[in-house]
PDB file of N, CA and C in Angstrom:
ATOM      1  N   MET A   1       9.930  -0.911   9.085  1.00  0.00           N
ATOM      2  CA  MET A   1      10.812  -1.652   8.218  1.00  0.00           C
ATOM      3  C   MET A   1      11.042  -3.047   8.733  1.00  0.00           C
ATOM      4  N   LYS A   2      10.972  -3.230  10.073  1.00  0.00           N
ATOM      5  CA  LYS A   2      11.122  -4.519  10.624  1.00  0.00           C
ATOM      6  C   LYS A   2      10.097  -5.511  10.119  1.00  0.00           C
ATOM      7  N   THR A   3       8.851  -5.039  10.065  1.00  0.00           N
ATOM      8  CA  THR A   3       7.732  -5.845   9.552  1.00  0.00           C
ATOM      9  C   THR A   3       7.948  -6.235   8.095  1.00  0.00           C
ATOM     10  N   PHE A   4       8.383  -5.281   7.310  1.00  0.00           N
ATOM     11  CA  PHE A   4       8.693  -5.488   5.933  1.00  0.00           C
ATOM     12  C   PHE A   4       9.820  -6.560   5.745  1.00  0.00           C
ATOM     13  N   ASP A   5      10.842  -6.440   6.528  1.00  0.00           N
ATOM     14  CA  ASP A   5      11.943  -7.404   6.482  1.00  0.00           C
ATOM     15  C   ASP A   5      11.491  -8.805   6.872  1.00  0.00           C
ATOM     16  N   GLU A   6      10.662  -8.850   7.938  1.00  0.00           N
ATOM     17  CA  GLU A   6      10.146 -10.175   8.373  1.00  0.00           C
ATOM     18  C   GLU A   6       9.256 -10.806   7.308  1.00  0.00           C
ATOM     19  N   PHE A   7       8.425  -9.925   6.628  1.00  0.00           N
ATOM     20  CA  PHE A   7       7.585 -10.404   5.564  1.00  0.00           C
ATOM     21  C   PHE A   7       8.435 -11.012   4.407  1.00  0.00           C
ATOM     22  N   LEU A   8       9.466 -10.249   4.061  1.00  0.00           N
ATOM     23  CA  LEU A   8      10.292 -10.778   2.921  1.00  0.00           C
ATOM     24  C   LEU A   8      11.022 -12.021   3.322  1.00  0.00           C
ATOM     25  N   THR A   9      11.503 -12.111   4.552  1.00  0.00           N
ATOM     26  CA  THR A   9      12.219 -13.307   5.032  1.00  0.00           C
ATOM     27  C   THR A   9      11.345 -14.500   4.888  1.00  0.00           C
ATOM     28  N   LYS A  10      10.042 -14.366   5.261  1.00  0.00           N
ATOM     29  CA  LYS A  10       9.119 -15.467   5.251  1.00  0.00           C
ATOM     30  C   LYS A  10       8.578 -15.792   3.854  1.00  0.00           C
ATOM     31  N   TYR A  11       8.208 -14.785   3.030  1.00  0.00           N
ATOM     32  CA  TYR A  11       7.509 -15.045   1.790  1.00  0.00           C
ATOM     33  C   TYR A  11       8.306 -14.771   0.527  1.00  0.00           C
ATOM     34  N   PHE A  12       9.383 -13.983   0.622  1.00  0.00           N
ATOM     35  CA  PHE A  12      10.126 -13.617  -0.587  1.00  0.00           C
ATOM     36  C   PHE A  12      11.570 -13.375  -0.230  1.00  0.00           C
ATOM     37  N   PRO A  13      12.250 -14.482   0.301  1.00  0.00           N
ATOM     38  CA  PRO A  13      13.642 -14.334   0.814  1.00  0.00           C
ATOM     39  C   PRO A  13      14.626 -13.860  -0.256  1.00  0.00           C
ATOM     40  N   GLU A  14      14.355 -14.171  -1.476  1.00  0.00           N
ATOM     41  CA  GLU A  14      15.255 -13.709  -2.540  1.00  0.00           C
ATOM     42  C   GLU A  14      14.990 -12.273  -3.007  1.00  0.00           C
ATOM     43  N   GLY A  15      14.021 -11.639  -2.423  1.00  0.00           N
ATOM     44  CA  GLY A  15      13.622 -10.296  -2.772  1.00  0.00           C
ATOM     45  C   GLY A  15      14.723  -9.260  -2.451  1.00  0.00           C
ATOM     46  N   ASN A  16      14.958  -8.341  -3.309  1.00  0.00           N
ATOM     47  CA  ASN A  16      15.973  -7.290  -3.118  1.00  0.00           C
ATOM     48  C   ASN A  16      15.389  -6.208  -2.237  1.00  0.00           C
ATOM     49  N   ARG A  17      15.826  -6.093  -0.990  1.00  0.00           N
ATOM     50  CA  ARG A  17      15.295  -5.188  -0.011  1.00  0.00           C
ATOM     51  C   ARG A  17      15.507  -3.722  -0.344  1.00  0.00           C
ATOM     52  N   ILE A  18      16.395  -3.408  -1.259  1.00  0.00           N
ATOM     53  CA  ILE A  18      16.561  -2.006  -1.603  1.00  0.00           C
ATOM     54  C   ILE A  18      15.866  -1.653  -2.919  1.00  0.00           C
ATOM     55  N   ASP A  19      15.126  -2.643  -3.524  1.00  0.00           N
ATOM     56  CA  ASP A  19      14.425  -2.360  -4.748  1.00  0.00           C
ATOM     57  C   ASP A  19      13.092  -1.671  -4.403  1.00  0.00           C
ATOM     58  N   VAL A  20      12.930  -0.482  -4.860  1.00  0.00           N
ATOM     59  CA  VAL A  20      11.693   0.314  -4.567  1.00  0.00           C
ATOM     60  C   VAL A  20      10.464  -0.410  -5.016  1.00  0.00           C
ATOM     61  N   ASN A  21      10.510  -1.216  -6.062  1.00  0.00           N
ATOM     62  CA  ASN A  21       9.360  -1.928  -6.548  1.00  0.00           C
ATOM     63  C   ASN A  21       8.903  -2.958  -5.569  1.00  0.00           C
ATOM     64  N   VAL A  22       9.826  -3.607  -4.844  1.00  0.00           N
ATOM     65  CA  VAL A  22       9.429  -4.588  -3.837  1.00  0.00           C
ATOM     66  C   VAL A  22       8.677  -3.906  -2.715  1.00  0.00           C
ATOM     67  N   MET A  23       9.159  -2.755  -2.253  1.00  0.00           N
ATOM     68  CA  MET A  23       8.414  -2.019  -1.225  1.00  0.00           C
ATOM     69  C   MET A  23       7.097  -1.523  -1.712  1.00  0.00           C
ATOM     70  N   TYR A  24       7.050  -1.026  -2.941  1.00  0.00           N
ATOM     71  CA  TYR A  24       5.801  -0.587  -3.509  1.00  0.00           C
ATOM     72  C   TYR A  24       4.773  -1.693  -3.541  1.00  0.00           C
ATOM     73  N   GLY A  25       5.175  -2.875  -4.031  1.00  0.00           N
ATOM     74  CA  GLY A  25       4.256  -4.002  -4.015  1.00  0.00           C
ATOM     75  C   GLY A  25       3.737  -4.366  -2.655  1.00  0.00           C
ATOM     76  N   TYR A  26       4.631  -4.398  -1.703  1.00  0.00           N
ATOM     77  CA  TYR A  26       4.283  -4.713  -0.323  1.00  0.00           C
ATOM     78  C   TYR A  26       3.278  -3.684   0.216  1.00  0.00           C
ATOM     79  N   THR A  27       3.454  -2.431  -0.080  1.00  0.00           N
ATOM     80  CA  THR A  27       2.597  -1.368   0.427  1.00  0.00           C
ATOM     81  C   THR A  27       1.228  -1.451  -0.232  1.00  0.00           C
ATOM     82  N   VAL A  28       1.184  -1.637  -1.550  1.00  0.00           N
ATOM     83  CA  VAL A  28      -0.052  -1.758  -2.267  1.00  0.00           C
ATOM     84  C   VAL A  28      -0.850  -2.956  -1.820  1.00  0.00           C
ATOM     85  N   ALA A  29      -0.147  -4.058  -1.540  1.00  0.00           N
ATOM     86  CA  ALA A  29      -0.790  -5.251  -1.057  1.00  0.00           C
ATOM     87  C   ALA A  29      -1.424  -5.033   0.326  1.00  0.00           C
ATOM     88  N   GLN A  30      -0.798  -4.264   1.157  1.00  0.00           N
ATOM     89  CA  GLN A  30      -1.369  -3.931   2.456  1.00  0.00           C
ATOM     90  C   GLN A  30      -2.687  -3.207   2.277  1.00  0.00           C
ATOM     91  N   GLY A  31      -2.719  -2.282   1.321  1.00  0.00           N
ATOM     92  CA  GLY A  31      -3.958  -1.564   1.028  1.00  0.00           C
ATOM     93  C   GLY A  31      -5.068  -2.455   0.547  1.00  0.00           C
ATOM     94  N   LEU A  32      -4.692  -3.407  -0.348  1.00  0.00           N
ATOM     95  CA  LEU A  32      -5.674  -4.357  -0.877  1.00  0.00           C
ATOM     96  C   LEU A  32      -6.241  -5.243   0.230  1.00  0.00           C
ATOM     97  N   VAL A  33      -5.379  -5.712   1.136  1.00  0.00           N
ATOM     98  CA  VAL A  33      -5.820  -6.509   2.242  1.00  0.00           C
ATOM     99  C   VAL A  33      -6.831  -5.725   3.105  1.00  0.00           C
ATOM    100  N   HIS A  34      -6.543  -4.453   3.352  1.00  0.00           N
ATOM    101  CA  HIS A  34      -7.483  -3.588   4.090  1.00  0.00           C
ATOM    102  C   HIS A  34      -8.852  -3.531   3.422  1.00  0.00           C
ATOM    103  N   VAL A  35      -8.834  -3.339   2.128  1.00  0.00           N
ATOM    104  CA  VAL A  35     -10.101  -3.232   1.386  1.00  0.00           C
ATOM    105  C   VAL A  35     -10.846  -4.572   1.404  1.00  0.00           C
ATOM    106  N   LEU A  36     -10.163  -5.678   1.224  1.00  0.00           N
ATOM    107  CA  LEU A  36     -10.843  -6.960   1.208  1.00  0.00           C
ATOM    108  C   LEU A  36     -11.385  -7.358   2.570  1.00  0.00           C
ATOM    109  N   LYS A  37     -10.636  -7.024   3.604  1.00  0.00           N
ATOM    110  CA  LYS A  37     -11.164  -7.299   4.963  1.00  0.00           C
ATOM    111  C   LYS A  37     -12.416  -6.484   5.246  1.00  0.00           C
ATOM    112  N   ASN A  38     -12.457  -5.223   4.788  1.00  0.00           N
ATOM    113  CA  ASN A  38     -13.638  -4.432   4.994  1.00  0.00           C
ATOM    114  C   ASN A  38     -14.838  -4.901   4.171  1.00  0.00           C
ATOM    115  N   CYS A  39     -14.598  -5.683   3.122  1.00  0.00           N
ATOM    116  CA  CYS A  39     -15.674  -6.235   2.323  1.00  0.00           C
ATOM    117  C   CYS A  39     -16.450  -7.335   3.017  1.00  0.00           C
ATOM    118  N   GLY A  40     -15.779  -7.977   4.005  1.00  0.00           N
ATOM    119  CA  GLY A  40     -16.439  -9.091   4.658  1.00  0.00           C
ATOM    120  C   GLY A  40     -16.714 -10.197   3.697  1.00  0.00           C
ATOM    121  N   ASP A  41     -17.908 -10.751   3.735  1.00  0.00           N
ATOM    122  CA  ASP A  41     -18.293 -11.841   2.877  1.00  0.00           C
ATOM    123  C   ASP A  41     -18.848 -11.374   1.518  1.00  0.00           C
ATOM    124  N   ASP A  42     -19.027 -10.089   1.337  1.00  0.00           N
ATOM    125  CA  ASP A  42     -19.582  -9.555   0.104  1.00  0.00           C
ATOM    126  C   ASP A  42     -18.420  -9.084  -0.820  1.00  0.00           C
ATOM    127  N   LEU A  43     -17.975  -9.969  -1.663  1.00  0.00           N
ATOM    128  CA  LEU A  43     -16.873  -9.672  -2.575  1.00  0.00           C
ATOM    129  C   LEU A  43     -17.373  -9.288  -3.968  1.00  0.00           C
ATOM    130  N   SER A  44     -18.553  -8.685  -4.000  1.00  0.00           N
ATOM    131  CA  SER A  44     -19.052  -8.161  -5.282  1.00  0.00           C
ATOM    132  C   SER A  44     -18.259  -6.972  -5.735  1.00  0.00           C
ATOM    133  N   ARG A  45     -18.258  -6.698  -7.036  1.00  0.00           N
ATOM    134  CA  ARG A  45     -17.551  -5.574  -7.531  1.00  0.00           C
ATOM    135  C   ARG A  45     -18.023  -4.286  -6.913  1.00  0.00           C
ATOM    136  N   ALA A  46     -19.320  -4.155  -6.734  1.00  0.00           N
ATOM    137  CA  ALA A  46     -19.886  -2.949  -6.162  1.00  0.00           C
ATOM    138  C   ALA A  46     -19.372  -2.698  -4.754  1.00  0.00           C
ATOM    139  N   ASN A  47     -19.316  -3.773  -3.909  1.00  0.00           N
ATOM    140  CA  ASN A  47     -18.822  -3.591  -2.574  1.00  0.00           C
ATOM    141  C   ASN A  47     -17.332  -3.354  -2.470  1.00  0.00           C
ATOM    142  N   ILE A  48     -16.605  -4.019  -3.350  1.00  0.00           N
ATOM    143  CA  ILE A  48     -15.144  -3.752  -3.375  1.00  0.00           C
ATOM    144  C   ILE A  48     -14.874  -2.297  -3.734  1.00  0.00           C
ATOM    145  N   MET A  49     -15.569  -1.811  -4.733  1.00  0.00           N
ATOM    146  CA  MET A  49     -15.377  -0.416  -5.158  1.00  0.00           C
ATOM    147  C   MET A  49     -15.859   0.549  -4.042  1.00  0.00           C
ATOM    148  N   LYS A  50     -16.909   0.206  -3.337  1.00  0.00           N
ATOM    149  CA  LYS A  50     -17.435   1.011  -2.247  1.00  0.00           C
ATOM    150  C   LYS A  50     -16.419   1.096  -1.130  1.00  0.00           C
ATOM    151  N   GLN A  51     -15.800  -0.032  -0.754  1.00  0.00           N
ATOM    152  CA  GLN A  51     -14.800  -0.075   0.277  1.00  0.00           C
ATOM    153  C   GLN A  51     -13.522   0.658  -0.111  1.00  0.00           C
ATOM    154  N   ALA A  52     -13.136   0.468  -1.364  1.00  0.00           N
ATOM    155  CA  ALA A  52     -11.904   1.162  -1.896  1.00  0.00           C
ATOM    156  C   ALA A  52     -12.067   2.655  -1.919  1.00  0.00           C
ATOM    157  N   ALA A  53     -13.320   3.101  -2.074  1.00  0.00           N
ATOM    158  CA  ALA A  53     -13.633   4.561  -2.169  1.00  0.00           C
ATOM    159  C   ALA A  53     -14.079   5.134  -0.815  1.00  0.00           C
ATOM    160  N   SER A  54     -13.791   4.439   0.259  1.00  0.00           N
ATOM    161  CA  SER A  54     -14.171   4.968   1.565  1.00  0.00           C
ATOM    162  C   SER A  54     -13.113   4.720   2.652  1.00  0.00           C
ATOM    163  N   ILE A  55     -11.877   4.837   2.252  1.00  0.00           N
ATOM    164  CA  ILE A  55     -10.750   4.612   3.196  1.00  0.00           C
ATOM    165  C   ILE A  55     -10.492   5.884   3.937  1.00  0.00           C
ATOM    166  N   ARG A  56     -10.298   5.803   5.224  1.00  0.00           N
ATOM    167  CA  ARG A  56      -9.997   6.983   6.057  1.00  0.00           C
ATOM    168  C   ARG A  56      -8.881   6.709   7.015  1.00  0.00           C
ATOM    169  N   GLY A  57      -7.803   7.501   6.881  1.00  0.00           N
ATOM    170  CA  GLY A  57      -6.706   7.464   7.870  1.00  0.00           C
ATOM    171  C   GLY A  57      -5.961   6.163   7.931  1.00  0.00           C
ATOM    172  N   LEU A  58      -5.813   5.438   6.784  1.00  0.00           N
ATOM    173  CA  LEU A  58      -5.099   4.184   6.765  1.00  0.00           C
ATOM    174  C   LEU A  58      -3.604   4.435   6.746  1.00  0.00           C
ATOM    175  N   LYS A  59      -2.917   3.855   7.678  1.00  0.00           N
ATOM    176  CA  LYS A  59      -1.449   3.939   7.706  1.00  0.00           C
ATOM    177  C   LYS A  59      -0.896   2.630   7.175  1.00  0.00           C
ATOM    178  N   LEU A  60       0.026   2.768   6.219  1.00  0.00           N
ATOM    179  CA  LEU A  60       0.648   1.606   5.613  1.00  0.00           C
ATOM    180  C   LEU A  60       2.145   1.587   5.889  1.00  0.00           C
ATOM    181  N   GLY A  61       2.726   0.389   6.013  1.00  0.00           N
ATOM    182  CA  GLY A  61       4.103   0.222   6.414  1.00  0.00           C
ATOM    183  C   GLY A  61       5.144   0.847   5.475  1.00  0.00           C
ATOM    184  N   GLY A  62       4.780   1.018   4.208  1.00  0.00           N
ATOM    185  CA  GLY A  62       5.753   1.589   3.253  1.00  0.00           C
ATOM    186  C   GLY A  62       5.686   3.113   3.118  1.00  0.00           C
ATOM    187  N   LEU A  63       4.798   3.740   3.880  1.00  0.00           N
ATOM    188  CA  LEU A  63       4.662   5.184   3.800  1.00  0.00           C
ATOM    189  C   LEU A  63       5.385   5.842   4.978  1.00  0.00           C
ATOM    190  N   LEU A  64       5.763   7.038   4.826  1.00  0.00           N
ATOM    191  CA  LEU A  64       6.420   7.816   5.895  1.00  0.00           C
ATOM    192  C   LEU A  64       5.469   8.012   7.062  1.00  0.00           C
ATOM    193  N   PRO A  65       5.996   8.137   8.284  1.00  0.00           N
ATOM    194  CA  PRO A  65       5.105   8.409   9.415  1.00  0.00           C
ATOM    195  C   PRO A  65       4.340   9.681   9.170  1.00  0.00           C
ATOM    196  N   GLY A  66       3.013   9.650   9.512  1.00  0.00           N
ATOM    197  CA  GLY A  66       2.182  10.797   9.294  1.00  0.00           C
ATOM    198  C   GLY A  66       1.434  10.814   7.940  1.00  0.00           C
ATOM    199  N   ILE A  67       1.876  10.013   7.010  1.00  0.00           N
ATOM    200  CA  ILE A  67       1.203   9.964   5.728  1.00  0.00           C
ATOM    201  C   ILE A  67       0.096   8.872   5.813  1.00  0.00           C
ATOM    202  N   GLU A  68      -1.108   9.280   5.469  1.00  0.00           N
ATOM    203  CA  GLU A  68      -2.232   8.366   5.510  1.00  0.00           C
ATOM    204  C   GLU A  68      -2.971   8.300   4.190  1.00  0.00           C
ATOM    205  N   VAL A  69      -3.609   7.157   3.983  1.00  0.00           N
ATOM    206  CA  VAL A  69      -4.397   6.916   2.798  1.00  0.00           C
ATOM    207  C   VAL A  69      -5.857   7.304   3.069  1.00  0.00           C
ATOM    208  N   ASP A  70      -6.393   8.161   2.202  1.00  0.00           N
ATOM    209  CA  ASP A  70      -7.806   8.578   2.305  1.00  0.00           C
ATOM    210  C   ASP A  70      -8.388   8.554   0.876  1.00  0.00           C
ATOM    211  N   THR A  71      -9.576   7.965   0.769  1.00  0.00           N
ATOM    212  CA  THR A  71     -10.289   7.977  -0.534  1.00  0.00           C
ATOM    213  C   THR A  71     -11.760   8.330  -0.253  1.00  0.00           C
ATOM    214  N   SER A  72     -12.464   8.727  -1.315  1.00  0.00           N
ATOM    215  CA  SER A  72     -13.850   8.984  -1.215  1.00  0.00           C
ATOM    216  C   SER A  72     -14.507   8.717  -2.557  1.00  0.00           C
ATOM    217  N   ALA A  73     -15.840   8.767  -2.608  1.00  0.00           N
ATOM    218  CA  ALA A  73     -16.544   8.513  -3.843  1.00  0.00           C
ATOM    219  C   ALA A  73     -16.192   9.573  -4.916  1.00  0.00           C
ATOM    220  N   THR A  74     -15.664  10.722  -4.525  1.00  0.00           N
ATOM    221  CA  THR A  74     -15.323  11.764  -5.489  1.00  0.00           C
ATOM    222  C   THR A  74     -13.815  11.954  -5.625  1.00  0.00           C
ATOM    223  N   ASP A  75     -13.017  11.233  -4.819  1.00  0.00           N
ATOM    224  CA  ASP A  75     -11.554  11.395  -4.891  1.00  0.00           C
ATOM    225  C   ASP A  75     -10.930  10.027  -4.663  1.00  0.00           C
ATOM    226  N   PHE A  76     -10.513   9.411  -5.814  1.00  0.00           N
ATOM    227  CA  PHE A  76      -9.924   8.067  -5.740  1.00  0.00           C
ATOM    228  C   PHE A  76      -8.434   8.074  -5.483  1.00  0.00           C
ATOM    229  N   ALA A  77      -7.767   9.268  -5.488  1.00  0.00           N
ATOM    230  CA  ALA A  77      -6.327   9.315  -5.280  1.00  0.00           C
ATOM    231  C   ALA A  77      -6.060   8.978  -3.813  1.00  0.00           C
ATOM    232  N   PRO A  78      -5.354   7.883  -3.543  1.00  0.00           N
ATOM    233  CA  PRO A  78      -5.214   7.437  -2.153  1.00  0.00           C
ATOM    234  C   PRO A  78      -4.205   8.260  -1.325  1.00  0.00           C
ATOM    235  N   ILE A  79      -3.245   8.889  -1.894  1.00  0.00           N
ATOM    236  CA  ILE A  79      -2.298   9.628  -1.149  1.00  0.00           C
ATOM    237  C   ILE A  79      -2.232  11.116  -1.618  1.00  0.00           C
ATOM    238  N   SER A  80      -2.459  12.022  -0.700  1.00  0.00           N
ATOM    239  CA  SER A  80      -2.430  13.441  -1.083  1.00  0.00           C
ATOM    240  C   SER A  80      -1.595  14.220  -0.039  1.00  0.00           C
ATOM    241  N   GLN A  81      -0.647  13.559   0.570  1.00  0.00           N
ATOM    242  CA  GLN A  81       0.224  14.234   1.519  1.00  0.00           C
ATOM    243  C   GLN A  81       1.691  13.961   1.141  1.00  0.00           C
ATOM    244  N   LEU A  82       2.567  14.830   1.624  1.00  0.00           N
ATOM    245  CA  LEU A  82       3.984  14.619   1.383  1.00  0.00           C
ATOM    246  C   LEU A  82       4.783  15.263   2.550  1.00  0.00           C
ATOM    247  N   GLN A  83       6.044  14.940   2.551  1.00  0.00           N
ATOM    248  CA  GLN A  83       6.946  15.583   3.530  1.00  0.00           C
ATOM    249  C   GLN A  83       8.238  15.886   2.801  1.00  0.00           C
ATOM    250  N   LEU A  84       8.727  17.083   2.964  1.00  0.00           N
ATOM    251  CA  LEU A  84       9.974  17.497   2.322  1.00  0.00           C
ATOM    252  C   LEU A  84      11.176  16.835   2.975  1.00  0.00           C
ATOM    253  N   MET A  85      12.191  16.612   2.106  1.00  0.00           N
ATOM    254  CA  MET A  85      13.426  15.943   2.565  1.00  0.00           C
ATOM    255  C   MET A  85      14.612  16.675   1.938  1.00  0.00           C
ATOM    256  N   LYS A  86      15.747  16.641   2.575  1.00  0.00           N
ATOM    257  CA  LYS A  86      16.958  17.183   2.015  1.00  0.00           C
ATOM    258  C   LYS A  86      18.074  16.107   2.211  1.00  0.00           C
ATOM    259  N   PHE A  87      18.991  16.162   1.223  1.00  0.00           N
ATOM    260  CA  PHE A  87      20.116  15.199   1.260  1.00  0.00           C
ATOM    261  C   PHE A  87      21.212  15.718   2.142  1.00  0.00           C
ATOM    262  N   LYS A  88      21.635  14.923   3.112  1.00  0.00           N
ATOM    263  CA  LYS A  88      22.623  15.347   4.097  1.00  0.00           C
ATOM    264  C   LYS A  88      23.893  14.514   3.910  1.00  0.00           C
ATOM    265  N   GLY A  89      24.496  14.621   2.747  1.00  0.00           N
ATOM    266  CA  GLY A  89      25.737  13.978   2.530  1.00  0.00           C
ATOM    267  C   GLY A  89      25.672  12.510   2.139  1.00  0.00           C
ATOM    268  N   GLU A  90      25.104  11.689   3.064  1.00  0.00           N
ATOM    269  CA  GLU A  90      24.984  10.272   2.836  1.00  0.00           C
ATOM    270  C   GLU A  90      23.571   9.719   2.930  1.00  0.00           C
ATOM    271  N   SER A  91      22.663  10.542   3.471  1.00  0.00           N
ATOM    272  CA  SER A  91      21.275  10.065   3.625  1.00  0.00           C
ATOM    273  C   SER A  91      20.295  11.274   3.501  1.00  0.00           C
ATOM    274  N   TRP A  92      19.066  10.904   3.413  1.00  0.00           N
ATOM    275  CA  TRP A  92      18.040  11.912   3.352  1.00  0.00           C
ATOM    276  C   TRP A  92      17.474  12.186   4.755  1.00  0.00           C
ATOM    277  N   GLU A  93      17.131  13.466   4.993  1.00  0.00           N
ATOM    278  CA  GLU A  93      16.575  13.859   6.296  1.00  0.00           C
ATOM    279  C   GLU A  93      15.271  14.590   6.054  1.00  0.00           C
ATOM    280  N   ARG A  94      14.200  14.091   6.715  1.00  0.00           N
ATOM    281  CA  ARG A  94      12.926  14.778   6.616  1.00  0.00           C
ATOM    282  C   ARG A  94      12.954  16.077   7.406  1.00  0.00           C
ATOM    283  N   PHE A  95      12.200  17.096   6.927  1.00  0.00           N
ATOM    284  CA  PHE A  95      12.094  18.341   7.704  1.00  0.00           C
ATOM    285  C   PHE A  95      10.705  18.920   7.514  1.00  0.00           C
ATOM    286  N   GLY A  96      10.259  19.688   8.484  1.00  0.00           N
ATOM    287  CA  GLY A  96       8.948  20.319   8.388  1.00  0.00           C
ATOM    288  C   GLY A  96       7.843  19.330   8.683  1.00  0.00           C
ATOM    289  N   ASP A  97       6.647  19.834   8.605  1.00  0.00           N
ATOM    290  CA  ASP A  97       5.431  19.015   8.851  1.00  0.00           C
ATOM    291  C   ASP A  97       5.002  18.287   7.603  1.00  0.00           C
ATOM    292  N   VAL A  98       4.153  17.300   7.784  1.00  0.00           N
ATOM    293  CA  VAL A  98       3.530  16.656   6.659  1.00  0.00           C
ATOM    294  C   VAL A  98       2.612  17.673   5.981  1.00  0.00           C
ATOM    295  N   ILE A  99       2.682  17.761   4.633  1.00  0.00           N
ATOM    296  CA  ILE A  99       1.935  18.770   3.888  1.00  0.00           C
ATOM    297  C   ILE A  99       0.819  18.105   3.107  1.00  0.00           C
ATOM    298  N   SER A 100      -0.335  18.698   3.145  1.00  0.00           N
ATOM    299  CA  SER A 100      -1.488  18.168   2.355  1.00  0.00           C
ATOM    300  C   SER A 100      -1.424  18.704   0.935  1.00  0.00           C
ATOM    301  N   GLY A 101      -1.667  17.836  -0.010  1.00  0.00           N
ATOM    302  CA  GLY A 101      -1.710  18.265  -1.396  1.00  0.00           C
ATOM    303  C   GLY A 101      -3.121  18.542  -1.863  1.00  0.00           C
ATOM    304  N   ASP A 102      -4.103  18.392  -0.984  1.00  0.00           N
ATOM    305  CA  ASP A 102      -5.492  18.622  -1.352  1.00  0.00           C
ATOM    306  C   ASP A 102      -5.716  20.072  -1.718  1.00  0.00           C
ATOM    307  N   VAL A 103      -6.595  20.370  -2.645  1.00  0.00           N
ATOM    308  CA  VAL A 103      -6.909  21.722  -3.008  1.00  0.00           C
ATOM    309  C   VAL A 103      -7.415  22.473  -1.751  1.00  0.00           C
ATOM    310  N   GLY A 104      -6.822  23.560  -1.474  1.00  0.00           N
ATOM    311  CA  GLY A 104      -7.227  24.349  -0.312  1.00  0.00           C
ATOM    312  C   GLY A 104      -6.722  23.752   0.997  1.00  0.00           C
ATOM    313  N   GLY A 105      -5.861  22.697   0.907  1.00  0.00           N
ATOM    314  CA  GLY A 105      -5.485  22.034   2.137  1.00  0.00           C
ATOM    315  C   GLY A 105      -4.190  22.324   2.732  1.00  0.00           C
TER     316      GLY A 105
END
């Protein structure tokens, strides 16, 4: 969250830090940066799609610890993990392990 706050302070100081859409945009942008860096100098559509469909174990700042982005040529869904939470009066508390949502996983 510190990195997110520093990013907003520098590039979007008027941004509402509790707006989920701001965090979502920040997280998606991190994923896009990862894909574009992996493209190198070949920014063709084919290479961008290839890189976007071959992400392994990418950790992004807006995701819970332990949640990773994985894609493949046959599975474009980037996130297939979750962690259960319960409301404890004033805040949410995570419990249990990270759970895979993959079929058979």
